[in-house]
N, C-alpha and C. Protein backbone atom coordinates (compact mmCIF):
# COMPACT_ATOMS: atom_id res chain seq x y z
N MET A 1 -23.99 -2.30 38.51
CA MET A 1 -23.74 -2.38 37.11
C MET A 1 -24.50 -3.56 36.52
N GLY A 2 -25.13 -3.35 35.41
CA GLY A 2 -25.89 -4.41 34.79
C GLY A 2 -25.05 -5.19 33.78
N TRP A 3 -25.72 -6.10 33.13
CA TRP A 3 -25.06 -6.91 32.12
C TRP A 3 -24.82 -6.05 30.90
N VAL A 4 -23.60 -6.03 30.40
CA VAL A 4 -23.25 -5.17 29.28
C VAL A 4 -23.33 -5.92 27.96
N GLY A 5 -23.10 -7.19 27.97
CA GLY A 5 -23.15 -7.97 26.75
C GLY A 5 -21.76 -8.34 26.27
N PRO A 6 -21.71 -9.13 25.24
CA PRO A 6 -20.40 -9.56 24.73
C PRO A 6 -19.69 -8.39 24.03
N PRO A 7 -18.38 -8.47 23.96
CA PRO A 7 -17.64 -7.41 23.25
C PRO A 7 -17.96 -7.46 21.76
N PRO A 8 -17.83 -6.34 21.07
CA PRO A 8 -18.14 -6.33 19.64
C PRO A 8 -17.14 -7.19 18.86
N ILE A 9 -17.63 -7.75 17.80
CA ILE A 9 -16.79 -8.57 16.93
C ILE A 9 -16.04 -7.63 15.98
N VAL A 10 -14.72 -7.73 16.00
CA VAL A 10 -13.88 -6.89 15.15
C VAL A 10 -13.34 -7.73 14.01
N ALA A 11 -13.50 -7.25 12.79
CA ALA A 11 -13.00 -7.98 11.63
C ALA A 11 -11.48 -7.99 11.65
N PRO A 12 -10.87 -9.11 11.32
CA PRO A 12 -9.41 -9.15 11.29
C PRO A 12 -8.87 -8.28 10.15
N THR A 13 -7.66 -7.80 10.34
CA THR A 13 -7.01 -6.97 9.33
C THR A 13 -6.38 -7.85 8.27
N ASN A 14 -6.56 -7.48 7.03
CA ASN A 14 -5.99 -8.23 5.92
C ASN A 14 -4.46 -8.14 5.97
N VAL A 15 -3.80 -9.28 5.91
CA VAL A 15 -2.35 -9.35 6.02
C VAL A 15 -1.68 -8.70 4.82
N LEU A 16 -2.24 -8.88 3.63
CA LEU A 16 -1.63 -8.28 2.44
C LEU A 16 -1.67 -6.76 2.51
N ALA A 17 -2.69 -6.20 3.14
CA ALA A 17 -2.76 -4.75 3.30
C ALA A 17 -1.64 -4.27 4.21
N ILE A 18 -1.37 -5.01 5.27
CA ILE A 18 -0.28 -4.64 6.17
C ILE A 18 1.06 -4.71 5.45
N ILE A 19 1.29 -5.79 4.71
CA ILE A 19 2.55 -5.95 3.98
C ILE A 19 2.69 -4.87 2.91
N SER A 20 1.58 -4.51 2.26
CA SER A 20 1.61 -3.46 1.25
C SER A 20 2.05 -2.13 1.85
N LEU A 21 1.48 -1.79 3.00
CA LEU A 21 1.84 -0.52 3.64
C LEU A 21 3.28 -0.54 4.13
N VAL A 22 3.70 -1.62 4.75
CA VAL A 22 5.08 -1.70 5.26
C VAL A 22 6.08 -1.65 4.12
N SER A 23 5.82 -2.37 3.03
CA SER A 23 6.76 -2.35 1.91
C SER A 23 6.77 -0.98 1.22
N ALA A 24 5.67 -0.26 1.26
CA ALA A 24 5.65 1.09 0.71
C ALA A 24 6.45 2.04 1.58
N LEU A 25 6.39 1.84 2.89
CA LEU A 25 7.13 2.71 3.79
C LEU A 25 8.64 2.50 3.70
N ILE A 26 9.07 1.32 3.31
CA ILE A 26 10.51 1.10 3.13
C ILE A 26 10.92 1.26 1.66
N ALA A 27 10.02 1.84 0.87
CA ALA A 27 10.29 2.28 -0.51
C ALA A 27 10.66 1.15 -1.46
N ILE A 28 9.90 0.08 -1.41
CA ILE A 28 10.02 -0.95 -2.44
C ILE A 28 8.95 -0.59 -3.48
N PRO A 29 9.34 -0.22 -4.69
CA PRO A 29 8.37 0.42 -5.59
C PRO A 29 7.21 -0.45 -6.08
N LEU A 30 7.44 -1.66 -6.53
CA LEU A 30 6.38 -2.40 -7.21
C LEU A 30 5.54 -3.27 -6.28
N LEU A 31 6.13 -3.79 -5.23
CA LEU A 31 5.45 -4.71 -4.33
C LEU A 31 4.20 -4.12 -3.68
N PRO A 32 4.24 -2.88 -3.16
CA PRO A 32 3.02 -2.36 -2.53
C PRO A 32 1.85 -2.18 -3.49
N VAL A 33 2.16 -1.90 -4.74
CA VAL A 33 1.08 -1.73 -5.73
C VAL A 33 0.39 -3.06 -5.98
N ILE A 34 1.19 -4.10 -6.18
CA ILE A 34 0.61 -5.41 -6.45
C ILE A 34 -0.17 -5.91 -5.23
N LEU A 35 0.46 -5.84 -4.06
CA LEU A 35 -0.21 -6.32 -2.86
C LEU A 35 -1.41 -5.47 -2.47
N GLY A 36 -1.34 -4.17 -2.74
CA GLY A 36 -2.47 -3.30 -2.44
C GLY A 36 -3.69 -3.66 -3.25
N HIS A 37 -3.49 -3.93 -4.54
CA HIS A 37 -4.63 -4.32 -5.38
C HIS A 37 -5.17 -5.69 -4.97
N LEU A 38 -4.27 -6.62 -4.68
CA LEU A 38 -4.72 -7.94 -4.23
C LEU A 38 -5.49 -7.85 -2.92
N SER A 39 -4.98 -7.06 -1.98
CA SER A 39 -5.65 -6.95 -0.69
C SER A 39 -7.01 -6.26 -0.80
N LEU A 40 -7.13 -5.25 -1.66
CA LEU A 40 -8.44 -4.61 -1.84
C LEU A 40 -9.46 -5.60 -2.38
N GLY A 41 -9.02 -6.46 -3.29
CA GLY A 41 -9.93 -7.50 -3.79
C GLY A 41 -10.37 -8.46 -2.69
N GLN A 42 -9.40 -8.87 -1.86
CA GLN A 42 -9.74 -9.77 -0.75
C GLN A 42 -10.63 -9.08 0.27
N ILE A 43 -10.36 -7.81 0.55
CA ILE A 43 -11.17 -7.08 1.53
C ILE A 43 -12.61 -6.94 1.03
N ASN A 44 -12.78 -6.64 -0.23
CA ASN A 44 -14.14 -6.53 -0.79
C ASN A 44 -14.86 -7.87 -0.76
N ARG A 45 -14.12 -8.96 -0.96
CA ARG A 45 -14.72 -10.28 -1.00
C ARG A 45 -15.03 -10.83 0.39
N THR A 46 -14.13 -10.59 1.36
CA THR A 46 -14.26 -11.23 2.67
C THR A 46 -14.77 -10.31 3.77
N GLY A 47 -14.71 -9.01 3.57
CA GLY A 47 -15.15 -8.07 4.59
C GLY A 47 -14.11 -7.82 5.68
N GLU A 48 -12.86 -8.19 5.44
CA GLU A 48 -11.81 -7.95 6.42
C GLU A 48 -11.54 -6.46 6.55
N GLY A 49 -10.81 -6.09 7.58
CA GLY A 49 -10.38 -4.72 7.77
C GLY A 49 -9.07 -4.47 7.04
N GLY A 50 -8.64 -3.22 7.04
CA GLY A 50 -7.36 -2.87 6.43
C GLY A 50 -7.47 -2.13 5.12
N ARG A 51 -8.67 -1.68 4.78
CA ARG A 51 -8.85 -0.97 3.50
C ARG A 51 -7.98 0.28 3.44
N GLY A 52 -7.92 1.03 4.54
CA GLY A 52 -7.10 2.24 4.56
C GLY A 52 -5.63 1.95 4.38
N MET A 53 -5.16 0.87 4.99
CA MET A 53 -3.75 0.50 4.83
C MET A 53 -3.46 0.09 3.40
N ALA A 54 -4.38 -0.62 2.78
CA ALA A 54 -4.19 -1.04 1.39
C ALA A 54 -4.14 0.18 0.47
N ILE A 55 -5.02 1.13 0.68
CA ILE A 55 -5.03 2.34 -0.15
C ILE A 55 -3.77 3.17 0.09
N ALA A 56 -3.35 3.27 1.35
CA ALA A 56 -2.11 4.00 1.64
C ALA A 56 -0.92 3.33 0.98
N GLY A 57 -0.87 2.00 1.01
CA GLY A 57 0.20 1.28 0.33
C GLY A 57 0.19 1.51 -1.16
N LEU A 58 -1.02 1.54 -1.75
CA LEU A 58 -1.14 1.82 -3.19
C LEU A 58 -0.63 3.22 -3.53
N VAL A 59 -1.09 4.21 -2.77
CA VAL A 59 -0.71 5.59 -3.05
C VAL A 59 0.80 5.77 -2.92
N LEU A 60 1.36 5.27 -1.82
CA LEU A 60 2.81 5.41 -1.63
C LEU A 60 3.59 4.61 -2.66
N GLY A 61 3.07 3.45 -3.04
CA GLY A 61 3.73 2.65 -4.08
C GLY A 61 3.75 3.36 -5.42
N TYR A 62 2.60 3.93 -5.80
CA TYR A 62 2.56 4.67 -7.07
C TYR A 62 3.43 5.92 -7.03
N LEU A 63 3.47 6.61 -5.88
CA LEU A 63 4.35 7.77 -5.75
C LEU A 63 5.82 7.36 -5.84
N SER A 64 6.15 6.22 -5.28
CA SER A 64 7.52 5.72 -5.35
C SER A 64 7.90 5.39 -6.79
N ILE A 65 7.00 4.76 -7.51
CA ILE A 65 7.26 4.44 -8.92
C ILE A 65 7.44 5.73 -9.72
N ALA A 66 6.58 6.72 -9.48
CA ALA A 66 6.69 8.00 -10.19
C ALA A 66 8.01 8.69 -9.85
N GLY A 67 8.42 8.63 -8.58
CA GLY A 67 9.69 9.24 -8.19
C GLY A 67 10.88 8.59 -8.88
N TRP A 68 10.89 7.26 -8.92
CA TRP A 68 11.98 6.57 -9.60
C TRP A 68 11.98 6.88 -11.10
N PHE A 69 10.79 6.98 -11.69
CA PHE A 69 10.70 7.31 -13.11
C PHE A 69 11.23 8.72 -13.38
N LEU A 70 10.87 9.68 -12.53
CA LEU A 70 11.37 11.05 -12.70
C LEU A 70 12.88 11.11 -12.49
N LEU A 71 13.39 10.35 -11.53
CA LEU A 71 14.84 10.29 -11.33
C LEU A 71 15.54 9.72 -12.55
N PHE A 72 14.95 8.67 -13.13
CA PHE A 72 15.50 8.08 -14.35
C PHE A 72 15.52 9.10 -15.48
N LEU A 73 14.42 9.85 -15.65
CA LEU A 73 14.38 10.87 -16.70
C LEU A 73 15.41 11.97 -16.46
N LEU A 74 15.60 12.36 -15.21
CA LEU A 74 16.59 13.38 -14.89
C LEU A 74 17.99 12.90 -15.21
N VAL A 75 18.31 11.68 -14.81
CA VAL A 75 19.64 11.12 -15.11
C VAL A 75 19.82 10.99 -16.61
N LEU A 76 18.80 10.59 -17.32
CA LEU A 76 18.87 10.45 -18.77
C LEU A 76 19.08 11.83 -19.43
N ALA A 77 18.37 12.84 -18.97
CA ALA A 77 18.51 14.18 -19.54
C ALA A 77 19.89 14.74 -19.28
N VAL A 78 20.40 14.54 -18.08
CA VAL A 78 21.75 15.04 -17.76
C VAL A 78 22.78 14.27 -18.59
N GLY A 79 22.57 12.99 -18.75
CA GLY A 79 23.52 12.20 -19.54
C GLY A 79 23.52 12.58 -21.00
N LEU A 80 22.36 12.88 -21.55
CA LEU A 80 22.27 13.25 -22.96
C LEU A 80 22.74 14.67 -23.22
N SER A 81 22.67 15.52 -22.20
CA SER A 81 23.10 16.91 -22.41
C SER A 81 24.61 17.05 -22.36
N GLY A 82 25.29 16.06 -21.84
CA GLY A 82 26.75 16.09 -21.82
C GLY A 82 27.35 16.90 -20.68
N ILE A 83 26.57 17.13 -19.62
CA ILE A 83 27.09 17.90 -18.49
C ILE A 83 28.06 17.05 -17.68
């Protein structure tokens, strides 16, 4: 076996992207959106990894906000209808 060379350099994962995804998975509505946008900015600036996690956190965060908003509208409609 010959000399293979040094292992490839792997960019570290952005911590805010990890927190964004984890907070989205436990259904905290606003935190993943804020952290997702912050982490995407840091990833673009520094070249860190974690872009997919940041985007997943954003998508799940926005879906969570939309779900809570629809639930609020449903409760409001039922309350106003007098059922």
